[in-house]
Amino acid sequence: MTETKPPSDPSWFEKPRNINWMIGVLLLACMALVLADLFYENPHPHFPKWENVFGFQAWFGFIAFVIIVFLGRLLRVIVRRPEDYYDR
């Protein structure tokens, strides 16, 4: 007969209350950074026409992230191997 161990307590990062707290802190930090864009002007912009738009860096970063995720999905299709590839 095998003994089963009682489930261990979830770690701090696994508790739903703490996950919601971390997401809230992250959202507040993101909003604060976007609002900080009101008080900061880049003295040497690379794209003067676009970088002066409110929240440009946030939108640029988000769009870049989405593009990277979709390119990763495309790359997965290209380099995927069968599940038993190494067993052959």
PDB file of N, CA and C in Angstrom:
ATOM      1  N   MET A   1       0.824  -1.168   0.000  1.00  0.00           N
ATOM      2  CA  MET A   1       0.000   0.000   0.000  1.00  0.00           C
ATOM      3  C   MET A   1       0.881   1.250   0.000  1.00  0.00           C
ATOM      4  N   THR A   2       0.523   2.216  -0.837  1.00  0.00           N
ATOM      5  CA  THR A   2       1.290   3.454  -0.873  1.00  0.00           C
ATOM      6  C   THR A   2       0.556   4.530  -0.091  1.00  0.00           C
ATOM      7  N   GLU A   3       1.330   5.307   0.603  1.00  0.00           N
ATOM      8  CA  GLU A   3       0.743   6.406   1.367  1.00  0.00           C
ATOM      9  C   GLU A   3       0.676   7.638   0.477  1.00  0.00           C
ATOM     10  N   THR A   4      -0.423   8.310   0.548  1.00  0.00           N
ATOM     11  CA  THR A   4      -0.535   9.556  -0.209  1.00  0.00           C
ATOM     12  C   THR A   4      -0.264  10.715   0.727  1.00  0.00           C
ATOM     13  N   LYS A   5       0.491  11.649   0.236  1.00  0.00           N
ATOM     14  CA  LYS A   5       0.801  12.829   1.037  1.00  0.00           C
ATOM     15  C   LYS A   5      -0.352  13.815   0.944  1.00  0.00           C
ATOM     16  N   PRO A   6      -0.640  14.481   2.033  1.00  0.00           N
ATOM     17  CA  PRO A   6      -1.682  15.515   1.953  1.00  0.00           C
ATOM     18  C   PRO A   6      -1.186  16.649   1.053  1.00  0.00           C
ATOM     19  N   PRO A   7      -2.090  17.280   0.316  1.00  0.00           N
ATOM     20  CA  PRO A   7      -1.643  18.372  -0.558  1.00  0.00           C
ATOM     21  C   PRO A   7      -1.019  19.484   0.264  1.00  0.00           C
ATOM     22  N   SER A   8       0.077  20.006  -0.237  1.00  0.00           N
ATOM     23  CA  SER A   8       0.741  21.078   0.487  1.00  0.00           C
ATOM     24  C   SER A   8      -0.024  22.380   0.292  1.00  0.00           C
ATOM     25  N   ASP A   9       0.204  23.282   1.177  1.00  0.00           N
ATOM     26  CA  ASP A   9      -0.433  24.589   1.063  1.00  0.00           C
ATOM     27  C   ASP A   9       0.078  25.287  -0.186  1.00  0.00           C
ATOM     28  N   PRO A  10      -0.798  25.998  -0.891  1.00  0.00           N
ATOM     29  CA  PRO A  10      -0.329  26.716  -2.079  1.00  0.00           C
ATOM     30  C   PRO A  10       0.655  27.815  -1.689  1.00  0.00           C
ATOM     31  N   SER A  11       1.589  28.071  -2.577  1.00  0.00           N
ATOM     32  CA  SER A  11       2.558  29.118  -2.292  1.00  0.00           C
ATOM     33  C   SER A  11       1.891  30.484  -2.370  1.00  0.00           C
ATOM     34  N   TRP A  12       2.617  31.512  -2.010  1.00  0.00           N
ATOM     35  CA  TRP A  12       2.090  32.863  -2.006  1.00  0.00           C
ATOM     36  C   TRP A  12       1.610  33.267  -3.398  1.00  0.00           C
ATOM     37  N   PHE A  13       2.328  32.823  -4.429  1.00  0.00           N
ATOM     38  CA  PHE A  13       1.997  33.197  -5.802  1.00  0.00           C
ATOM     39  C   PHE A  13       0.801  32.425  -6.358  1.00  0.00           C
ATOM     40  N   GLU A  14       0.370  31.375  -5.697  1.00  0.00           N
ATOM     41  CA  GLU A  14      -0.731  30.554  -6.189  1.00  0.00           C
ATOM     42  C   GLU A  14      -2.072  30.907  -5.562  1.00  0.00           C
ATOM     43  N   LYS A  15      -2.070  31.720  -4.543  1.00  0.00           N
ATOM     44  CA  LYS A  15      -3.323  32.076  -3.878  1.00  0.00           C
ATOM     45  C   LYS A  15      -4.066  33.114  -4.722  1.00  0.00           C
ATOM     46  N   PRO A  16      -5.355  32.861  -5.009  1.00  0.00           N
ATOM     47  CA  PRO A  16      -6.118  33.775  -5.881  1.00  0.00           C
ATOM     48  C   PRO A  16      -6.128  35.222  -5.397  1.00  0.00           C
ATOM     49  N   ARG A  17      -6.191  35.427  -4.092  1.00  0.00           N
ATOM     50  CA  ARG A  17      -6.203  36.794  -3.556  1.00  0.00           C
ATOM     51  C   ARG A  17      -4.915  37.518  -3.916  1.00  0.00           C
ATOM     52  N   ASN A  18      -3.780  36.831  -3.819  1.00  0.00           N
ATOM     53  CA  ASN A  18      -2.499  37.450  -4.126  1.00  0.00           C
ATOM     54  C   ASN A  18      -2.313  37.651  -5.629  1.00  0.00           C
ATOM     55  N   ILE A  19      -2.858  36.743  -6.435  1.00  0.00           N
ATOM     56  CA  ILE A  19      -2.781  36.911  -7.891  1.00  0.00           C
ATOM     57  C   ILE A  19      -3.556  38.160  -8.294  1.00  0.00           C
ATOM     58  N   ASN A  20      -4.756  38.323  -7.760  1.00  0.00           N
ATOM     59  CA  ASN A  20      -5.548  39.524  -8.066  1.00  0.00           C
ATOM     60  C   ASN A  20      -4.837  40.782  -7.597  1.00  0.00           C
ATOM     61  N   TRP A  21      -4.186  40.726  -6.445  1.00  0.00           N
ATOM     62  CA  TRP A  21      -3.442  41.869  -5.921  1.00  0.00           C
ATOM     63  C   TRP A  21      -2.289  42.228  -6.866  1.00  0.00           C
ATOM     64  N   MET A  22      -1.540  41.226  -7.343  1.00  0.00           N
ATOM     65  CA  MET A  22      -0.415  41.490  -8.251  1.00  0.00           C
ATOM     66  C   MET A  22      -0.899  42.086  -9.572  1.00  0.00           C
ATOM     67  N   ILE A  23      -2.014  41.581 -10.094  1.00  0.00           N
ATOM     68  CA  ILE A  23      -2.564  42.130 -11.340  1.00  0.00           C
ATOM     69  C   ILE A  23      -2.988  43.578 -11.120  1.00  0.00           C
ATOM     70  N   GLY A  24      -3.605  43.867  -9.994  1.00  0.00           N
ATOM     71  CA  GLY A  24      -4.010  45.244  -9.687  1.00  0.00           C
ATOM     72  C   GLY A  24      -2.822  46.185  -9.586  1.00  0.00           C
ATOM     73  N   VAL A  25      -1.764  45.741  -8.917  1.00  0.00           N
ATOM     74  CA  VAL A  25      -0.557  46.567  -8.796  1.00  0.00           C
ATOM     75  C   VAL A  25       0.062  46.798 -10.170  1.00  0.00           C
ATOM     76  N   LEU A  26       0.095  45.772 -10.994  1.00  0.00           N
ATOM     77  CA  LEU A  26       0.643  45.914 -12.346  1.00  0.00           C
ATOM     78  C   LEU A  26      -0.173  46.906 -13.165  1.00  0.00           C
ATOM     79  N   LEU A  27      -1.501  46.824 -13.095  1.00  0.00           N
ATOM     80  CA  LEU A  27      -2.354  47.766 -13.825  1.00  0.00           C
ATOM     81  C   LEU A  27      -2.160  49.197 -13.333  1.00  0.00           C
ATOM     82  N   LEU A  28      -2.052  49.379 -12.024  1.00  0.00           N
ATOM     83  CA  LEU A  28      -1.810  50.720 -11.493  1.00  0.00           C
ATOM     84  C   LEU A  28      -0.463  51.267 -11.958  1.00  0.00           C
ATOM     85  N   ALA A  29       0.559  50.425 -11.974  1.00  0.00           N
ATOM     86  CA  ALA A  29       1.871  50.866 -12.431  1.00  0.00           C
ATOM     87  C   ALA A  29       1.828  51.252 -13.909  1.00  0.00           C
ATOM     88  N   CYS A  30       1.125  50.468 -14.711  1.00  0.00           N
ATOM     89  CA  CYS A  30       1.004  50.785 -16.146  1.00  0.00           C
ATOM     90  C   CYS A  30       0.258  52.103 -16.348  1.00  0.00           C
ATOM     91  N   MET A  31      -0.830  52.303 -15.608  1.00  0.00           N
ATOM     92  CA  MET A  31      -1.582  53.555 -15.742  1.00  0.00           C
ATOM     93  C   MET A  31      -0.742  54.744 -15.295  1.00  0.00           C
ATOM     94  N   ALA A  32       0.021  54.567 -14.226  1.00  0.00           N
ATOM     95  CA  ALA A  32       0.877  55.660 -13.745  1.00  0.00           C
ATOM     96  C   ALA A  32       1.939  56.013 -14.785  1.00  0.00           C
ATOM     97  N   LEU A  33       2.498  55.019 -15.442  1.00  0.00           N
ATOM     98  CA  LEU A  33       3.499  55.297 -16.466  1.00  0.00           C
ATOM     99  C   LEU A  33       2.902  55.995 -17.675  1.00  0.00           C
ATOM    100  N   VAL A  34       1.689  55.611 -18.062  1.00  0.00           N
ATOM    101  CA  VAL A  34       1.037  56.288 -19.187  1.00  0.00           C
ATOM    102  C   VAL A  34       0.702  57.727 -18.799  1.00  0.00           C
ATOM    103  N   LEU A  35       0.226  57.945 -17.579  1.00  0.00           N
ATOM    104  CA  LEU A  35      -0.068  59.307 -17.129  1.00  0.00           C
ATOM    105  C   LEU A  35       1.204  60.150 -16.994  1.00  0.00           C
ATOM    106  N   ALA A  36       2.313  59.506 -16.678  1.00  0.00           N
ATOM    107  CA  ALA A  36       3.582  60.237 -16.589  1.00  0.00           C
ATOM    108  C   ALA A  36       3.974  60.802 -17.944  1.00  0.00           C
ATOM    109  N   ASP A  37       3.424  60.238 -19.009  1.00  0.00           N
ATOM    110  CA  ASP A  37       3.703  60.735 -20.360  1.00  0.00           C
ATOM    111  C   ASP A  37       3.196  62.175 -20.531  1.00  0.00           C
ATOM    112  N   LEU A  38       2.240  62.588 -19.721  1.00  0.00           N
ATOM    113  CA  LEU A  38       1.749  63.966 -19.781  1.00  0.00           C
ATOM    114  C   LEU A  38       2.807  64.966 -19.333  1.00  0.00           C
ATOM    115  N   PHE A  39       3.723  64.545 -18.469  1.00  0.00           N
ATOM    116  CA  PHE A  39       4.684  65.458 -17.859  1.00  0.00           C
ATOM    117  C   PHE A  39       6.093  65.326 -18.418  1.00  0.00           C
ATOM    118  N   TYR A  40       6.281  64.442 -19.390  1.00  0.00           N
ATOM    119  CA  TYR A  40       7.617  64.194 -19.921  1.00  0.00           C
ATOM    120  C   TYR A  40       7.606  64.379 -21.423  1.00  0.00           C
ATOM    121  N   GLU A  41       8.598  65.101 -21.917  1.00  0.00           N
ATOM    122  CA  GLU A  41       8.751  65.252 -23.359  1.00  0.00           C
ATOM    123  C   GLU A  41      10.154  64.811 -23.734  1.00  0.00           C
ATOM    124  N   ASN A  42      10.247  63.877 -24.648  1.00  0.00           N
ATOM    125  CA  ASN A  42      11.541  63.364 -25.079  1.00  0.00           C
ATOM    126  C   ASN A  42      12.285  64.472 -25.830  1.00  0.00           C
ATOM    127  N   PRO A  43      13.472  64.848 -25.358  1.00  0.00           N
ATOM    128  CA  PRO A  43      14.183  65.952 -26.023  1.00  0.00           C
ATOM    129  C   PRO A  43      14.742  65.566 -27.399  1.00  0.00           C
ATOM    130  N   HIS A  44      14.951  64.308 -27.658  1.00  0.00           N
ATOM    131  CA  HIS A  44      15.505  63.857 -28.934  1.00  0.00           C
ATOM    132  C   HIS A  44      14.705  62.681 -29.486  1.00  0.00           C
ATOM    133  N   PRO A  45      13.479  62.910 -29.948  1.00  0.00           N
ATOM    134  CA  PRO A  45      12.667  61.791 -30.449  1.00  0.00           C
ATOM    135  C   PRO A  45      13.179  61.277 -31.792  1.00  0.00           C
ATOM    136  N   HIS A  46      13.055  59.984 -31.995  1.00  0.00           N
ATOM    137  CA  HIS A  46      13.429  59.381 -33.274  1.00  0.00           C
ATOM    138  C   HIS A  46      12.344  59.617 -34.316  1.00  0.00           C
ATOM    139  N   PHE A  47      11.096  59.592 -33.881  1.00  0.00           N
ATOM    140  CA  PHE A  47       9.949  59.818 -34.760  1.00  0.00           C
ATOM    141  C   PHE A  47       9.151  60.995 -34.203  1.00  0.00           C
ATOM    142  N   PRO A  48       9.568  62.232 -34.491  1.00  0.00           N
ATOM    143  CA  PRO A  48       8.938  63.396 -33.844  1.00  0.00           C
ATOM    144  C   PRO A  48       7.425  63.472 -34.046  1.00  0.00           C
ATOM    145  N   LYS A  49       6.937  63.072 -35.216  1.00  0.00           N
ATOM    146  CA  LYS A  49       5.506  63.175 -35.475  1.00  0.00           C
ATOM    147  C   LYS A  49       4.712  62.227 -34.580  1.00  0.00           C
ATOM    148  N   TRP A  50       5.229  61.010 -34.350  1.00  0.00           N
ATOM    149  CA  TRP A  50       4.479  59.994 -33.612  1.00  0.00           C
ATOM    150  C   TRP A  50       4.782  59.989 -32.129  1.00  0.00           C
ATOM    151  N   GLU A  51       6.010  60.275 -31.738  1.00  0.00           N
ATOM    152  CA  GLU A  51       6.372  60.170 -30.317  1.00  0.00           C
ATOM    153  C   GLU A  51       5.741  61.264 -29.469  1.00  0.00           C
ATOM    154  N   ASN A  52       5.184  62.283 -30.082  1.00  0.00           N
ATOM    155  CA  ASN A  52       4.506  63.329 -29.317  1.00  0.00           C
ATOM    156  C   ASN A  52       3.040  63.016 -29.072  1.00  0.00           C
ATOM    157  N   VAL A  53       2.547  61.908 -29.615  1.00  0.00           N
ATOM    158  CA  VAL A  53       1.167  61.474 -29.366  1.00  0.00           C
ATOM    159  C   VAL A  53       1.105  60.888 -27.957  1.00  0.00           C
ATOM    160  N   PHE A  54       0.051  61.236 -27.214  1.00  0.00           N
ATOM    161  CA  PHE A  54      -0.093  60.752 -25.840  1.00  0.00           C
ATOM    162  C   PHE A  54      -0.149  59.229 -25.799  1.00  0.00           C
ATOM    163  N   GLY A  55       0.693  58.612 -24.998  1.00  0.00           N
ATOM    164  CA  GLY A  55       0.707  57.169 -24.812  1.00  0.00           C
ATOM    165  C   GLY A  55       1.350  56.404 -25.951  1.00  0.00           C
ATOM    166  N   PHE A  56       2.153  57.069 -26.775  1.00  0.00           N
ATOM    167  CA  PHE A  56       2.764  56.390 -27.926  1.00  0.00           C
ATOM    168  C   PHE A  56       3.605  55.191 -27.488  1.00  0.00           C
ATOM    169  N   GLN A  57       4.428  55.366 -26.452  1.00  0.00           N
ATOM    170  CA  GLN A  57       5.298  54.271 -26.027  1.00  0.00           C
ATOM    171  C   GLN A  57       4.499  53.075 -25.547  1.00  0.00           C
ATOM    172  N   ALA A  58       3.384  53.310 -24.873  1.00  0.00           N
ATOM    173  CA  ALA A  58       2.547  52.206 -24.393  1.00  0.00           C
ATOM    174  C   ALA A  58       1.936  51.454 -25.564  1.00  0.00           C
ATOM    175  N   TRP A  59       1.385  52.182 -26.528  1.00  0.00           N
ATOM    176  CA  TRP A  59       0.792  51.522 -27.694  1.00  0.00           C
ATOM    177  C   TRP A  59       1.838  50.815 -28.530  1.00  0.00           C
ATOM    178  N   PHE A  60       2.985  51.449 -28.696  1.00  0.00           N
ATOM    179  CA  PHE A  60       4.067  50.844 -29.475  1.00  0.00           C
ATOM    180  C   PHE A  60       4.514  49.533 -28.825  1.00  0.00           C
ATOM    181  N   GLY A  61       4.694  49.543 -27.511  1.00  0.00           N
ATOM    182  CA  GLY A  61       5.094  48.332 -26.797  1.00  0.00           C
ATOM    183  C   GLY A  61       4.045  47.238 -26.877  1.00  0.00           C
ATOM    184  N   PHE A  62       2.778  47.601 -26.739  1.00  0.00           N
ATOM    185  CA  PHE A  62       1.711  46.610 -26.804  1.00  0.00           C
ATOM    186  C   PHE A  62       1.627  45.983 -28.191  1.00  0.00           C
ATOM    187  N   ILE A  63       1.695  46.809 -29.226  1.00  0.00           N
ATOM    188  CA  ILE A  63       1.635  46.293 -30.592  1.00  0.00           C
ATOM    189  C   ILE A  63       2.843  45.412 -30.888  1.00  0.00           C
ATOM    190  N   ALA A  64       4.032  45.815 -30.414  1.00  0.00           N
ATOM    191  CA  ALA A  64       5.228  44.989 -30.612  1.00  0.00           C
ATOM    192  C   ALA A  64       5.067  43.638 -29.912  1.00  0.00           C
ATOM    193  N   PHE A  65       4.502  43.632 -28.713  1.00  0.00           N
ATOM    194  CA  PHE A  65       4.271  42.390 -27.981  1.00  0.00           C
ATOM    195  C   PHE A  65       3.320  41.471 -28.747  1.00  0.00           C
ATOM    196  N   VAL A  66       2.235  42.023 -29.273  1.00  0.00           N
ATOM    197  CA  VAL A  66       1.264  41.220 -30.030  1.00  0.00           C
ATOM    198  C   VAL A  66       1.923  40.634 -31.277  1.00  0.00           C
ATOM    199  N   ILE A  67       2.721  41.429 -31.962  1.00  0.00           N
ATOM    200  CA  ILE A  67       3.416  40.936 -33.160  1.00  0.00           C
ATOM    201  C   ILE A  67       4.367  39.803 -32.800  1.00  0.00           C
ATOM    202  N   ILE A  68       5.101  39.938 -31.706  1.00  0.00           N
ATOM    203  CA  ILE A  68       6.036  38.888 -31.292  1.00  0.00           C
ATOM    204  C   ILE A  68       5.290  37.604 -30.951  1.00  0.00           C
ATOM    205  N   VAL A  69       4.146  37.706 -30.285  1.00  0.00           N
ATOM    206  CA  VAL A  69       3.367  36.515 -29.943  1.00  0.00           C
ATOM    207  C   VAL A  69       2.897  35.811 -31.208  1.00  0.00           C
ATOM    208  N   PHE A  70       2.368  36.562 -32.173  1.00  0.00           N
ATOM    209  CA  PHE A  70       1.889  35.927 -33.403  1.00  0.00           C
ATOM    210  C   PHE A  70       3.032  35.360 -34.235  1.00  0.00           C
ATOM    211  N   LEU A  71       4.180  36.025 -34.249  1.00  0.00           N
ATOM    212  CA  LEU A  71       5.331  35.463 -34.949  1.00  0.00           C
ATOM    213  C   LEU A  71       5.818  34.187 -34.266  1.00  0.00           C
ATOM    214  N   GLY A  72       5.712  34.123 -32.947  1.00  0.00           N
ATOM    215  CA  GLY A  72       6.062  32.909 -32.219  1.00  0.00           C
ATOM    216  C   GLY A  72       5.140  31.756 -32.572  1.00  0.00           C
ATOM    217  N   ARG A  73       3.862  32.057 -32.725  1.00  0.00           N
ATOM    218  CA  ARG A  73       2.912  31.006 -33.129  1.00  0.00           C
ATOM    219  C   ARG A  73       3.230  30.520 -34.541  1.00  0.00           C
ATOM    220  N   LEU A  74       3.600  31.440 -35.422  1.00  0.00           N
ATOM    221  CA  LEU A  74       3.969  31.063 -36.780  1.00  0.00           C
ATOM    222  C   LEU A  74       5.245  30.221 -36.770  1.00  0.00           C
ATOM    223  N   LEU A  75       6.206  30.610 -35.963  1.00  0.00           N
ATOM    224  CA  LEU A  75       7.453  29.857 -35.866  1.00  0.00           C
ATOM    225  C   LEU A  75       7.205  28.455 -35.323  1.00  0.00           C
ATOM    226  N   ARG A  76       6.270  28.324 -34.393  1.00  0.00           N
ATOM    227  CA  ARG A  76       5.936  27.006 -33.849  1.00  0.00           C
ATOM    228  C   ARG A  76       5.417  26.080 -34.942  1.00  0.00           C
ATOM    229  N   VAL A  77       4.617  26.611 -35.847  1.00  0.00           N
ATOM    230  CA  VAL A  77       4.093  25.810 -36.952  1.00  0.00           C
ATOM    231  C   VAL A  77       5.235  25.376 -37.868  1.00  0.00           C
ATOM    232  N   ILE A  78       6.199  26.252 -38.064  1.00  0.00           N
ATOM    233  CA  ILE A  78       7.310  25.960 -38.975  1.00  0.00           C
ATOM    234  C   ILE A  78       8.264  24.917 -38.394  1.00  0.00           C
ATOM    235  N   VAL A  79       8.619  25.014 -37.120  1.00  0.00           N
ATOM    236  CA  VAL A  79       9.637  24.132 -36.542  1.00  0.00           C
ATOM    237  C   VAL A  79       9.065  22.956 -35.771  1.00  0.00           C
ATOM    238  N   ARG A  80       7.768  22.774 -35.762  1.00  0.00           N
ATOM    239  CA  ARG A  80       7.147  21.683 -35.009  1.00  0.00           C
ATOM    240  C   ARG A  80       7.583  20.333 -35.563  1.00  0.00           C
ATOM    241  N   ARG A  81       7.783  19.394 -34.669  1.00  0.00           N
ATOM    242  CA  ARG A  81       8.135  18.021 -35.025  1.00  0.00           C
ATOM    243  C   ARG A  81       7.079  17.083 -34.447  1.00  0.00           C
ATOM    244  N   PRO A  82       6.941  15.898 -35.041  1.00  0.00           N
ATOM    245  CA  PRO A  82       5.984  14.926 -34.462  1.00  0.00           C
ATOM    246  C   PRO A  82       6.370  14.570 -33.026  1.00  0.00           C
ATOM    247  N   GLU A  83       5.395  14.123 -32.276  1.00  0.00           N
ATOM    248  CA  GLU A  83       5.631  13.831 -30.870  1.00  0.00           C
ATOM    249  C   GLU A  83       6.684  12.738 -30.673  1.00  0.00           C
ATOM    250  N   ASP A  84       6.733  11.765 -31.574  1.00  0.00           N
ATOM    251  CA  ASP A  84       7.692  10.671 -31.447  1.00  0.00           C
ATOM    252  C   ASP A  84       8.944  10.901 -32.293  1.00  0.00           C
ATOM    253  N   TYR A  85       9.299  12.149 -32.549  1.00  0.00           N
ATOM    254  CA  TYR A  85      10.420  12.479 -33.423  1.00  0.00           C
ATOM    255  C   TYR A  85      11.734  11.862 -32.946  1.00  0.00           C
ATOM    256  N   TYR A  86      12.020  11.919 -31.655  1.00  0.00           N
ATOM    257  CA  TYR A  86      13.291  11.387 -31.149  1.00  0.00           C
ATOM    258  C   TYR A  86      13.251   9.880 -30.908  1.00  0.00           C
ATOM    259  N   ASP A  87      12.069   9.274 -30.899  1.00  0.00           N
ATOM    260  CA  ASP A  87      11.972   7.836 -30.691  1.00  0.00           C
ATOM    261  C   ASP A  87      12.219   7.048 -31.971  1.00  0.00           C
ATOM    262  N   ARG A  88      12.246   7.679 -33.096  1.00  0.00           N
ATOM    263  CA  ARG A  88      12.432   6.980 -34.360  1.00  0.00           C
ATOM    264  C   ARG A  88      13.880   6.585 -34.557  1.00  0.00           C
TER     265      ARG A  88
END
